[in-house]
Amino acid sequence: MSSPSTAQFLIAFLIAAAAGTGVFFHAERSKIRHPSAWASFVFLFLIVGLPSYALHVRRVRLRRRG
């Protein structure tokens, strides 16, 4: 297995950073608790964090509706 090139690392970093930033602003706007923790989780563990955040938001919205 070869190591990732600098360009591949930079692209992966930018994708994760964009996803984390998007989650942070969405959580702030939607009044989800701990937006910076969710953003960090998504940034560090994108493949698990983003679906987890989506499920969490869905549960919160369902609870708020009644």
N, C-alpha and C. Protein backbone atom coordinates (compact mmCIF):
# COMPACT_ATOMS: atom_id res chain seq x y z
N MET A 1 0.85 -1.18 0.00
CA MET A 1 0.00 0.00 0.00
C MET A 1 0.89 1.23 0.00
N SER A 2 0.66 2.11 -0.93
CA SER A 2 1.49 3.31 -1.02
C SER A 2 0.88 4.43 -0.18
N SER A 3 1.71 5.36 0.20
CA SER A 3 1.22 6.48 0.99
C SER A 3 0.57 7.51 0.07
N PRO A 4 -0.39 8.26 0.59
CA PRO A 4 -1.07 9.25 -0.25
C PRO A 4 -0.13 10.39 -0.64
N SER A 5 -0.33 10.91 -1.82
CA SER A 5 0.49 12.04 -2.26
C SER A 5 0.03 13.31 -1.54
N THR A 6 0.81 14.34 -1.69
CA THR A 6 0.47 15.61 -1.06
C THR A 6 -0.85 16.14 -1.59
N ALA A 7 -1.07 16.02 -2.88
CA ALA A 7 -2.32 16.50 -3.48
C ALA A 7 -3.52 15.71 -2.96
N GLN A 8 -3.39 14.40 -2.83
CA GLN A 8 -4.48 13.59 -2.31
C GLN A 8 -4.80 13.95 -0.87
N PHE A 9 -3.76 14.17 -0.08
CA PHE A 9 -3.96 14.56 1.31
C PHE A 9 -4.66 15.91 1.39
N LEU A 10 -4.24 16.86 0.56
CA LEU A 10 -4.83 18.19 0.58
C LEU A 10 -6.30 18.14 0.17
N ILE A 11 -6.63 17.36 -0.83
CA ILE A 11 -8.02 17.23 -1.26
C ILE A 11 -8.87 16.61 -0.15
N ALA A 12 -8.38 15.55 0.47
CA ALA A 12 -9.11 14.91 1.57
C ALA A 12 -9.29 15.88 2.74
N PHE A 13 -8.26 16.64 3.04
CA PHE A 13 -8.32 17.61 4.13
C PHE A 13 -9.36 18.69 3.83
N LEU A 14 -9.38 19.19 2.61
CA LEU A 14 -10.33 20.23 2.24
C LEU A 14 -11.77 19.72 2.25
N ILE A 15 -11.98 18.49 1.81
CA ILE A 15 -13.33 17.90 1.85
C ILE A 15 -13.80 17.76 3.29
N ALA A 16 -12.93 17.25 4.15
CA ALA A 16 -13.30 17.08 5.56
C ALA A 16 -13.53 18.43 6.24
N ALA A 17 -12.70 19.42 5.91
CA ALA A 17 -12.87 20.75 6.49
C ALA A 17 -14.17 21.39 6.04
N ALA A 18 -14.51 21.24 4.76
CA ALA A 18 -15.76 21.80 4.25
C ALA A 18 -16.97 21.12 4.90
N ALA A 19 -16.90 19.81 5.06
CA ALA A 19 -18.00 19.09 5.70
C ALA A 19 -18.15 19.52 7.16
N GLY A 20 -17.05 19.62 7.87
CA GLY A 20 -17.09 20.05 9.27
C GLY A 20 -17.63 21.46 9.42
N THR A 21 -17.21 22.36 8.53
CA THR A 21 -17.70 23.73 8.57
C THR A 21 -19.19 23.79 8.26
N GLY A 22 -19.61 23.02 7.28
CA GLY A 22 -21.03 22.97 6.95
C GLY A 22 -21.87 22.45 8.10
N VAL A 23 -21.38 21.42 8.76
CA VAL A 23 -22.09 20.86 9.91
C VAL A 23 -22.17 21.89 11.03
N PHE A 24 -21.08 22.61 11.27
CA PHE A 24 -21.08 23.62 12.33
C PHE A 24 -22.15 24.68 12.07
N PHE A 25 -22.16 25.23 10.86
CA PHE A 25 -23.12 26.28 10.56
C PHE A 25 -24.56 25.75 10.55
N HIS A 26 -24.75 24.54 10.08
CA HIS A 26 -26.09 23.95 10.10
C HIS A 26 -26.56 23.73 11.54
N ALA A 27 -25.67 23.23 12.38
CA ALA A 27 -26.03 22.99 13.78
C ALA A 27 -26.34 24.29 14.50
N GLU A 28 -25.57 25.34 14.22
CA GLU A 28 -25.84 26.64 14.83
C GLU A 28 -27.22 27.15 14.41
N ARG A 29 -27.51 27.08 13.11
CA ARG A 29 -28.77 27.57 12.58
C ARG A 29 -29.96 26.75 13.09
N SER A 30 -29.75 25.46 13.23
CA SER A 30 -30.83 24.56 13.66
C SER A 30 -30.92 24.40 15.16
N LYS A 31 -30.06 25.09 15.88
CA LYS A 31 -30.03 25.03 17.35
C LYS A 31 -29.81 23.61 17.87
N ILE A 32 -28.86 22.91 17.24
CA ILE A 32 -28.43 21.59 17.69
C ILE A 32 -27.37 21.80 18.76
N ARG A 33 -27.46 21.08 19.86
CA ARG A 33 -26.50 21.26 20.94
C ARG A 33 -25.09 20.84 20.52
N HIS A 34 -24.09 21.54 21.02
CA HIS A 34 -22.68 21.25 20.82
C HIS A 34 -22.26 21.25 19.35
N PRO A 35 -22.47 22.36 18.65
CA PRO A 35 -22.13 22.40 17.23
C PRO A 35 -20.64 22.20 16.95
N SER A 36 -19.78 22.72 17.82
CA SER A 36 -18.34 22.55 17.57
C SER A 36 -17.91 21.10 17.78
N ALA A 37 -18.54 20.40 18.69
CA ALA A 37 -18.21 18.99 18.89
C ALA A 37 -18.65 18.17 17.68
N TRP A 38 -19.84 18.46 17.15
CA TRP A 38 -20.30 17.76 15.95
C TRP A 38 -19.39 18.06 14.77
N ALA A 39 -18.98 19.33 14.62
CA ALA A 39 -18.10 19.70 13.52
C ALA A 39 -16.76 18.98 13.63
N SER A 40 -16.21 18.90 14.82
CA SER A 40 -14.94 18.20 15.02
C SER A 40 -15.08 16.71 14.73
N PHE A 41 -16.17 16.12 15.18
CA PHE A 41 -16.42 14.70 14.93
C PHE A 41 -16.51 14.42 13.44
N VAL A 42 -17.23 15.26 12.72
CA VAL A 42 -17.37 15.08 11.27
C VAL A 42 -16.03 15.28 10.59
N PHE A 43 -15.26 16.28 11.01
CA PHE A 43 -13.96 16.53 10.39
C PHE A 43 -13.01 15.35 10.59
N LEU A 44 -12.97 14.82 11.79
CA LEU A 44 -12.02 13.75 12.10
C LEU A 44 -12.46 12.38 11.58
N PHE A 45 -13.75 12.11 11.61
CA PHE A 45 -14.28 10.79 11.23
C PHE A 45 -15.42 10.97 10.24
N LEU A 46 -15.12 11.48 9.06
CA LEU A 46 -16.14 11.87 8.08
C LEU A 46 -17.07 10.72 7.73
N ILE A 47 -16.56 9.55 7.51
CA ILE A 47 -17.36 8.42 7.03
C ILE A 47 -18.39 7.97 8.07
N VAL A 48 -18.11 8.18 9.34
CA VAL A 48 -19.03 7.82 10.42
C VAL A 48 -19.76 9.06 10.95
N GLY A 49 -19.04 10.17 11.01
CA GLY A 49 -19.57 11.37 11.63
C GLY A 49 -20.72 12.02 10.89
N LEU A 50 -20.62 12.10 9.57
CA LEU A 50 -21.67 12.77 8.81
C LEU A 50 -23.00 12.01 8.87
N PRO A 51 -23.01 10.69 8.67
CA PRO A 51 -24.28 9.98 8.84
C PRO A 51 -24.82 10.04 10.28
N SER A 52 -23.92 10.01 11.26
CA SER A 52 -24.35 10.12 12.66
C SER A 52 -25.01 11.46 12.92
N TYR A 53 -24.41 12.52 12.37
CA TYR A 53 -24.99 13.85 12.54
C TYR A 53 -26.36 13.93 11.87
N ALA A 54 -26.48 13.37 10.68
CA ALA A 54 -27.76 13.40 9.97
C ALA A 54 -28.85 12.67 10.77
N LEU A 55 -28.51 11.52 11.33
CA LEU A 55 -29.48 10.79 12.15
C LEU A 55 -29.84 11.56 13.42
N HIS A 56 -28.85 12.20 14.02
CA HIS A 56 -29.09 12.99 15.23
C HIS A 56 -30.04 14.15 14.93
N VAL A 57 -29.80 14.84 13.83
CA VAL A 57 -30.66 15.97 13.45
C VAL A 57 -32.08 15.48 13.20
N ARG A 58 -32.21 14.35 12.56
CA ARG A 58 -33.55 13.81 12.30
C ARG A 58 -34.28 13.50 13.60
N ARG A 59 -33.57 12.87 14.56
CA ARG A 59 -34.20 12.58 15.86
C ARG A 59 -34.61 13.85 16.59
N VAL A 60 -33.73 14.86 16.56
CA VAL A 60 -34.05 16.13 17.24
C VAL A 60 -35.27 16.77 16.61
N ARG A 61 -35.33 16.79 15.30
CA ARG A 61 -36.49 17.40 14.62
C ARG A 61 -37.77 16.65 14.92
N LEU A 62 -37.72 15.33 14.95
CA LEU A 62 -38.91 14.55 15.29
C LEU A 62 -39.37 14.82 16.72
N ARG A 63 -38.42 14.95 17.64
CA ARG A 63 -38.76 15.24 19.04
C ARG A 63 -39.38 16.61 19.17
N ARG A 64 -38.87 17.59 18.41
CA ARG A 64 -39.39 18.96 18.51
C ARG A 64 -40.79 19.07 17.94
N ARG A 65 -41.14 18.24 16.97
CA ARG A 65 -42.47 18.30 16.38
C ARG A 65 -43.54 17.74 17.31
N GLY A 66 -43.10 16.86 18.19
CA GLY A 66 -44.09 16.35 19.14
C GLY A 66 -44.10 14.92 19.17
